[in-house]
Amino acid sequence: METTVKLEYGPMEVEIHAFDDEDYQKEVLDLIQFIEDNQESLEELEEGDENAELGHSKIEGTSLEEFAESNDENDEEVKQESGPLSEITSKLGVPESELKRCFYVDPDQEEPPVIYLDEVGNIGEQKTDRQRVASLALLYISHECYDLERVKSTALKEALELSDISSSGMGNMYQGEGDRYFDRRGRGPSATVGLTPPGRRQARKVLKRLIQDEE
């Protein structure tokens, strides 16, 4: 007996066919991960199409591997032409000069990223809100520019302090909506934190807002 799994996301439509004795679950999970990793590019493709037919015609002629490789090549070209923040430029659709104005990234990756509070939009009035918004931005920059999936909680605390944001009572920012944004592991000096998939999406929104609110 043949099993068919169909997945639709915007203009992309994919079918996976497998027989009972074949393990197709990994392919489904890989496909979901592919969509997560390329969400911004897929959304831009959908928005740029004038109608659904044009959207389907573009996808049908391109395999998932070719689509991913094309994005990787474009990202690499941007990276070679620009500085460390260029890793985020194409994903946010903002000029790198705006990112440089609002954030500091050490090209040698020896110092944590920093937010220039005087240059960004309002990050919140309450301490917990300020910590949460800043941490989303700093962790996303660490992931994209420093290639760090996770950072030590002590390193995030240092990045907040360098950004002139109080790090006291940081545990409160992980409560409520923060619970779905941050992935914490370990305790004490070995504790680490990273962003969940919803956290990465929220971080991109935060970064855009911080830049655009100041323009």
C-alpha atoms as a PDB file:
ATOM      1  CA  MET A   1       0.000   0.000   0.000  1.00  0.00           C
ATOM      2  CA  GLU A   2       1.309   3.427  -0.969  1.00  0.00           C
ATOM      3  CA  THR A   3       1.180   6.424   1.394  1.00  0.00           C
ATOM      4  CA  THR A   4       1.114   9.992   0.069  1.00  0.00           C
ATOM      5  CA  VAL A   5       1.970  13.020   2.167  1.00  0.00           C
ATOM      6  CA  LYS A   6       1.109  16.395   0.657  1.00  0.00           C
ATOM      7  CA  LEU A   7       2.444  19.670   2.022  1.00  0.00           C
ATOM      8  CA  GLU A   8       1.482  23.140   0.805  1.00  0.00           C
ATOM      9  CA  TYR A   9       3.188  26.352   1.858  1.00  0.00           C
ATOM     10  CA  GLY A  10       2.335  29.497  -0.088  1.00  0.00           C
ATOM     11  CA  PRO A  11       3.233  28.855  -3.716  1.00  0.00           C
ATOM     12  CA  MET A  12       5.078  25.633  -2.908  1.00  0.00           C
ATOM     13  CA  GLU A  13       3.334  22.277  -3.133  1.00  0.00           C
ATOM     14  CA  VAL A  14       5.233  19.060  -2.402  1.00  0.00           C
ATOM     15  CA  GLU A  15       4.127  15.427  -2.394  1.00  0.00           C
ATOM     16  CA  ILE A  16       6.049  12.565  -0.800  1.00  0.00           C
ATOM     17  CA  HIS A  17       5.155   9.026  -1.903  1.00  0.00           C
ATOM     18  CA  ALA A  18       6.216   5.961   0.060  1.00  0.00           C
ATOM     19  CA  PHE A  19       5.216   2.336   0.544  1.00  0.00           C
ATOM     20  CA  ASP A  20       4.484   0.826   3.931  1.00  0.00           C
ATOM     21  CA  ASP A  21       7.982  -0.584   4.331  1.00  0.00           C
ATOM     22  CA  GLU A  22       9.666   2.765   3.600  1.00  0.00           C
ATOM     23  CA  ASP A  23      10.506   5.330   6.242  1.00  0.00           C
ATOM     24  CA  TYR A  24       9.150   8.620   4.910  1.00  0.00           C
ATOM     25  CA  GLN A  25       8.837  10.456   8.229  1.00  0.00           C
ATOM     26  CA  LYS A  26      12.403  11.759   8.079  1.00  0.00           C
ATOM     27  CA  GLU A  27      11.709  13.234   4.645  1.00  0.00           C
ATOM     28  CA  VAL A  28       8.673  15.052   6.053  1.00  0.00           C
ATOM     29  CA  LEU A  29      10.692  16.411   8.975  1.00  0.00           C
ATOM     30  CA  ASP A  30      13.509  17.486   6.631  1.00  0.00           C
ATOM     31  CA  LEU A  31      10.970  19.276   4.445  1.00  0.00           C
ATOM     32  CA  ILE A  32       9.479  21.106   7.427  1.00  0.00           C
ATOM     33  CA  GLN A  33      12.989  22.144   8.485  1.00  0.00           C
ATOM     34  CA  PHE A  34      13.699  23.330   4.938  1.00  0.00           C
ATOM     35  CA  ILE A  35      10.598  25.539   5.016  1.00  0.00           C
ATOM     36  CA  GLU A  36      11.597  26.951   8.401  1.00  0.00           C
ATOM     37  CA  ASP A  37      15.129  27.739   7.219  1.00  0.00           C
ATOM     38  CA  ASN A  38      13.907  29.395   3.999  1.00  0.00           C
ATOM     39  CA  GLN A  39      10.709  30.995   5.282  1.00  0.00           C
ATOM     40  CA  GLU A  40      11.700  34.553   4.411  1.00  0.00           C
ATOM     41  CA  SER A  41      12.672  33.629   0.838  1.00  0.00           C
ATOM     42  CA  LEU A  42       9.468  31.662   0.285  1.00  0.00           C
ATOM     43  CA  GLU A  43       7.337  34.522   1.601  1.00  0.00           C
ATOM     44  CA  GLU A  44       9.129  36.990  -0.684  1.00  0.00           C
ATOM     45  CA  LEU A  45       8.566  34.653  -3.637  1.00  0.00           C
ATOM     46  CA  GLU A  46       4.856  34.433  -2.858  1.00  0.00           C
ATOM     47  CA  GLU A  47       4.487  38.208  -2.424  1.00  0.00           C
ATOM     48  CA  GLY A  48       6.371  38.876  -5.644  1.00  0.00           C
ATOM     49  CA  ASP A  49       4.068  36.716  -7.761  1.00  0.00           C
ATOM     50  CA  GLU A  50       1.132  38.447  -9.456  1.00  0.00           C
ATOM     51  CA  ASN A  51      -1.043  35.342  -9.317  1.00  0.00           C
ATOM     52  CA  ALA A  52      -1.003  31.761  -8.071  1.00  0.00           C
ATOM     53  CA  GLU A  53      -0.243  30.274 -11.491  1.00  0.00           C
ATOM     54  CA  LEU A  54       2.985  32.187 -11.827  1.00  0.00           C
ATOM     55  CA  GLY A  55       3.942  31.126  -8.326  1.00  0.00           C
ATOM     56  CA  HIS A  56       3.405  27.441  -9.117  1.00  0.00           C
ATOM     57  CA  SER A  57       5.303  27.622 -12.380  1.00  0.00           C
ATOM     58  CA  LYS A  58       8.384  28.934 -10.615  1.00  0.00           C
ATOM     59  CA  ILE A  59       8.336  26.224  -7.976  1.00  0.00           C
ATOM     60  CA  GLU A  60       7.602  23.347 -10.315  1.00  0.00           C
ATOM     61  CA  GLY A  61      10.761  23.984 -12.287  1.00  0.00           C
ATOM     62  CA  THR A  62      12.982  24.041  -9.209  1.00  0.00           C
ATOM     63  CA  SER A  63      13.774  21.210  -6.826  1.00  0.00           C
ATOM     64  CA  LEU A  64      14.131  21.790  -3.103  1.00  0.00           C
ATOM     65  CA  GLU A  65      17.864  21.202  -3.367  1.00  0.00           C
ATOM     66  CA  GLU A  66      18.234  23.710  -6.219  1.00  0.00           C
ATOM     67  CA  PHE A  67      16.153  26.283  -4.365  1.00  0.00           C
ATOM     68  CA  ALA A  68      18.279  25.918  -1.216  1.00  0.00           C
ATOM     69  CA  GLU A  69      21.540  25.984  -3.175  1.00  0.00           C
ATOM     70  CA  SER A  70      20.420  29.124  -5.004  1.00  0.00           C
ATOM     71  CA  ASN A  71      19.691  30.864  -1.702  1.00  0.00           C
ATOM     72  CA  ASP A  72      23.034  29.726  -0.280  1.00  0.00           C
ATOM     73  CA  GLU A  73      24.873  31.081  -3.324  1.00  0.00           C
ATOM     74  CA  ASN A  74      23.109  34.436  -3.098  1.00  0.00           C
ATOM     75  CA  ASP A  75      23.815  34.679   0.624  1.00  0.00           C
ATOM     76  CA  GLU A  76      27.473  33.854   0.031  1.00  0.00           C
ATOM     77  CA  GLU A  77      27.768  36.568  -2.624  1.00  0.00           C
ATOM     78  CA  VAL A  78      26.316  39.160  -0.258  1.00  0.00           C
ATOM     79  CA  LYS A  79      28.607  37.998   2.531  1.00  0.00           C
ATOM     80  CA  GLN A  80      31.698  38.370   0.338  1.00  0.00           C
ATOM     81  CA  GLU A  81      30.734  41.880  -0.722  1.00  0.00           C
ATOM     82  CA  SER A  82      29.765  43.220   2.702  1.00  0.00           C
ATOM     83  CA  GLY A  83      30.524  43.030   6.416  1.00  0.00           C
ATOM     84  CA  PRO A  84      29.462  40.606   9.159  1.00  0.00           C
ATOM     85  CA  LEU A  85      25.899  41.953   9.353  1.00  0.00           C
ATOM     86  CA  SER A  86      25.301  41.099   5.699  1.00  0.00           C
ATOM     87  CA  GLU A  87      24.212  37.650   6.897  1.00  0.00           C
ATOM     88  CA  ILE A  88      20.994  39.265   8.115  1.00  0.00           C
ATOM     89  CA  THR A  89      20.557  41.938   5.450  1.00  0.00           C
ATOM     90  CA  SER A  90      18.826  39.807   2.818  1.00  0.00           C
ATOM     91  CA  LYS A  91      16.592  38.076   5.353  1.00  0.00           C
ATOM     92  CA  LEU A  92      15.299  41.339   6.825  1.00  0.00           C
ATOM     93  CA  GLY A  93      15.227  43.306   3.590  1.00  0.00           C
ATOM     94  CA  VAL A  94      16.953  46.314   5.153  1.00  0.00           C
ATOM     95  CA  PRO A  95      20.205  48.066   4.180  1.00  0.00           C
ATOM     96  CA  GLU A  96      23.281  46.864   6.016  1.00  0.00           C
ATOM     97  CA  SER A  97      24.070  50.483   6.853  1.00  0.00           C
ATOM     98  CA  GLU A  98      20.897  50.588   8.985  1.00  0.00           C
ATOM     99  CA  LEU A  99      21.927  47.454  10.835  1.00  0.00           C
ATOM    100  CA  LYS A 100      25.409  48.838  11.457  1.00  0.00           C
ATOM    101  CA  ARG A 101      23.885  52.025  12.814  1.00  0.00           C
ATOM    102  CA  CYS A 102      21.845  50.105  15.375  1.00  0.00           C
ATOM    103  CA  PHE A 103      23.987  47.075  16.218  1.00  0.00           C
ATOM    104  CA  TYR A 104      27.636  46.218  16.707  1.00  0.00           C
ATOM    105  CA  VAL A 105      29.047  42.888  15.576  1.00  0.00           C
ATOM    106  CA  ASP A 106      32.679  41.970  16.147  1.00  0.00           C
ATOM    107  CA  PRO A 107      34.065  40.703  12.802  1.00  0.00           C
ATOM    108  CA  ASP A 108      36.496  38.492  14.751  1.00  0.00           C
ATOM    109  CA  GLN A 109      33.618  37.077  16.829  1.00  0.00           C
ATOM    110  CA  GLU A 110      35.558  37.651  20.049  1.00  0.00           C
ATOM    111  CA  GLU A 111      33.164  40.159  21.616  1.00  0.00           C
ATOM    112  CA  PRO A 112      29.392  39.770  22.049  1.00  0.00           C
ATOM    113  CA  PRO A 113      27.001  41.768  19.861  1.00  0.00           C
ATOM    114  CA  VAL A 114      25.775  45.097  21.212  1.00  0.00           C
ATOM    115  CA  ILE A 115      22.644  47.194  20.701  1.00  0.00           C
ATOM    116  CA  TYR A 116      23.087  50.948  20.352  1.00  0.00           C
ATOM    117  CA  LEU A 117      20.046  52.029  22.369  1.00  0.00           C
ATOM    118  CA  ASP A 118      20.274  55.631  21.194  1.00  0.00           C
ATOM    119  CA  GLU A 119      19.888  54.466  17.593  1.00  0.00           C
ATOM    120  CA  VAL A 120      17.004  51.989  17.835  1.00  0.00           C
ATOM    121  CA  GLY A 121      13.280  52.362  18.367  1.00  0.00           C
ATOM    122  CA  ASN A 122      11.518  51.822  21.684  1.00  0.00           C
ATOM    123  CA  ILE A 123      12.407  48.446  23.190  1.00  0.00           C
ATOM    124  CA  GLY A 124       9.848  48.727  26.008  1.00  0.00           C
ATOM    125  CA  GLU A 125       9.232  50.556  29.249  1.00  0.00           C
ATOM    126  CA  GLN A 126       9.265  47.635  31.703  1.00  0.00           C
ATOM    127  CA  LYS A 127      12.592  45.994  32.524  1.00  0.00           C
ATOM    128  CA  THR A 128      11.329  42.519  31.625  1.00  0.00           C
ATOM    129  CA  ASP A 129      10.024  43.707  28.244  1.00  0.00           C
ATOM    130  CA  ARG A 130      13.314  45.455  27.499  1.00  0.00           C
ATOM    131  CA  GLN A 131      15.281  42.332  28.375  1.00  0.00           C
ATOM    132  CA  ARG A 132      13.055  40.103  26.257  1.00  0.00           C
ATOM    133  CA  VAL A 133      13.124  42.340  23.172  1.00  0.00           C
ATOM    134  CA  ALA A 134      16.881  42.911  23.417  1.00  0.00           C
ATOM    135  CA  SER A 135      17.602  39.220  24.008  1.00  0.00           C
ATOM    136  CA  LEU A 136      15.599  38.208  20.934  1.00  0.00           C
ATOM    137  CA  ALA A 137      17.667  40.600  18.820  1.00  0.00           C
ATOM    138  CA  LEU A 138      21.013  39.666  20.382  1.00  0.00           C
ATOM    139  CA  LEU A 139      20.443  35.908  20.158  1.00  0.00           C
ATOM    140  CA  TYR A 140      19.322  36.184  16.538  1.00  0.00           C
ATOM    141  CA  ILE A 141      22.431  38.210  15.664  1.00  0.00           C
ATOM    142  CA  SER A 142      24.598  35.648  17.481  1.00  0.00           C
ATOM    143  CA  HIS A 143      22.984  32.872  15.448  1.00  0.00           C
ATOM    144  CA  GLU A 144      23.256  34.569  12.060  1.00  0.00           C
ATOM    145  CA  CYS A 145      26.564  36.440  12.420  1.00  0.00           C
ATOM    146  CA  TYR A 146      28.496  34.286  14.909  1.00  0.00           C
ATOM    147  CA  ASP A 147      27.036  30.945  13.766  1.00  0.00           C
ATOM    148  CA  LEU A 148      25.982  30.142  17.347  1.00  0.00           C
ATOM    149  CA  GLU A 149      22.869  28.033  17.824  1.00  0.00           C
ATOM    150  CA  ARG A 150      23.121  28.621  21.577  1.00  0.00           C
ATOM    151  CA  VAL A 151      25.037  30.960  23.849  1.00  0.00           C
ATOM    152  CA  LYS A 152      25.855  30.764  27.522  1.00  0.00           C
ATOM    153  CA  SER A 153      23.373  32.588  29.705  1.00  0.00           C
ATOM    154  CA  THR A 154      26.305  34.479  31.188  1.00  0.00           C
ATOM    155  CA  ALA A 155      27.294  35.659  27.687  1.00  0.00           C
ATOM    156  CA  LEU A 156      23.761  36.919  27.029  1.00  0.00           C
ATOM    157  CA  LYS A 157      23.849  38.714  30.371  1.00  0.00           C
ATOM    158  CA  GLU A 158      27.123  40.375  29.359  1.00  0.00           C
ATOM    159  CA  ALA A 159      25.661  41.417  25.993  1.00  0.00           C
ATOM    160  CA  LEU A 160      22.688  43.030  27.748  1.00  0.00           C
ATOM    161  CA  GLU A 161      24.924  44.925  30.152  1.00  0.00           C
ATOM    162  CA  LEU A 162      27.161  46.126  27.315  1.00  0.00           C
ATOM    163  CA  SER A 163      23.974  47.345  25.607  1.00  0.00           C
ATOM    164  CA  ASP A 164      23.147  49.350  28.752  1.00  0.00           C
ATOM    165  CA  ILE A 165      20.204  47.084  29.606  1.00  0.00           C
ATOM    166  CA  SER A 166      19.864  45.719  33.134  1.00  0.00           C
ATOM    167  CA  SER A 167      20.354  41.954  33.377  1.00  0.00           C
ATOM    168  CA  SER A 168      19.008  41.588  36.922  1.00  0.00           C
ATOM    169  CA  GLY A 169      16.041  39.255  37.280  1.00  0.00           C
ATOM    170  CA  MET A 170      16.481  37.865  33.775  1.00  0.00           C
ATOM    171  CA  GLY A 171      14.463  34.782  34.674  1.00  0.00           C
ATOM    172  CA  ASN A 172      11.268  36.804  34.420  1.00  0.00           C
ATOM    173  CA  MET A 173      11.689  37.393  30.679  1.00  0.00           C
ATOM    174  CA  TYR A 174      11.446  33.654  30.045  1.00  0.00           C
ATOM    175  CA  GLN A 175       7.938  33.550  31.521  1.00  0.00           C
ATOM    176  CA  GLY A 176       4.663  34.131  29.646  1.00  0.00           C
ATOM    177  CA  GLU A 177       5.248  34.647  25.921  1.00  0.00           C
ATOM    178  CA  GLY A 178       8.972  34.285  26.527  1.00  0.00           C
ATOM    179  CA  ASP A 179       8.443  30.589  27.223  1.00  0.00           C
ATOM    180  CA  ARG A 180       7.800  29.911  23.520  1.00  0.00           C
ATOM    181  CA  TYR A 181      10.612  32.145  22.273  1.00  0.00           C
ATOM    182  CA  PHE A 182      13.578  30.900  24.309  1.00  0.00           C
ATOM    183  CA  ASP A 183      15.047  27.405  24.665  1.00  0.00           C
ATOM    184  CA  ARG A 184      16.948  27.183  27.968  1.00  0.00           C
ATOM    185  CA  ARG A 185      19.089  24.252  29.009  1.00  0.00           C
ATOM    186  CA  GLY A 186      21.269  23.515  32.017  1.00  0.00           C
ATOM    187  CA  ARG A 187      21.811  25.421  35.216  1.00  0.00           C
ATOM    188  CA  GLY A 188      24.400  27.658  36.786  1.00  0.00           C
ATOM    189  CA  PRO A 189      27.561  28.565  34.848  1.00  0.00           C
ATOM    190  CA  SER A 190      26.875  25.865  32.228  1.00  0.00           C
ATOM    191  CA  ALA A 191      23.360  27.128  31.401  1.00  0.00           C
ATOM    192  CA  THR A 192      22.745  28.006  27.757  1.00  0.00           C
ATOM    193  CA  VAL A 193      19.933  29.664  25.833  1.00  0.00           C
ATOM    194  CA  GLY A 194      18.879  29.717  22.182  1.00  0.00           C
ATOM    195  CA  LEU A 195      15.861  30.710  20.133  1.00  0.00           C
ATOM    196  CA  THR A 196      13.002  28.387  19.253  1.00  0.00           C
ATOM    197  CA  PRO A 197      11.564  28.572  15.690  1.00  0.00           C
ATOM    198  CA  PRO A 198       8.837  30.971  16.909  1.00  0.00           C
ATOM    199  CA  GLY A 199      11.581  32.900  18.673  1.00  0.00           C
ATOM    200  CA  ARG A 200      13.544  33.344  15.438  1.00  0.00           C
ATOM    201  CA  ARG A 201      10.437  34.581  13.646  1.00  0.00           C
ATOM    202  CA  GLN A 202       9.696  37.017  16.462  1.00  0.00           C
ATOM    203  CA  ALA A 203      13.330  38.154  16.489  1.00  0.00           C
ATOM    204  CA  ARG A 204      13.153  39.095  12.805  1.00  0.00           C
ATOM    205  CA  LYS A 205      10.024  41.144  13.520  1.00  0.00           C
ATOM    206  CA  VAL A 206      11.741  42.798  16.473  1.00  0.00           C
ATOM    207  CA  LEU A 207      14.823  43.713  14.442  1.00  0.00           C
ATOM    208  CA  LYS A 208      12.747  45.250  11.660  1.00  0.00           C
ATOM    209  CA  ARG A 209      10.669  47.224  14.140  1.00  0.00           C
ATOM    210  CA  LEU A 210      13.677  48.512  16.063  1.00  0.00           C
ATOM    211  CA  ILE A 211      15.206  49.811  12.846  1.00  0.00           C
ATOM    212  CA  GLN A 212      12.088  51.115  11.146  1.00  0.00           C
ATOM    213  CA  ASP A 213      10.698  52.874  14.244  1.00  0.00           C
ATOM    214  CA  GLU A 214      13.801  55.030  14.332  1.00  0.00           C
ATOM    215  CA  GLU A 215      13.751  56.007  10.650  1.00  0.00           C
END
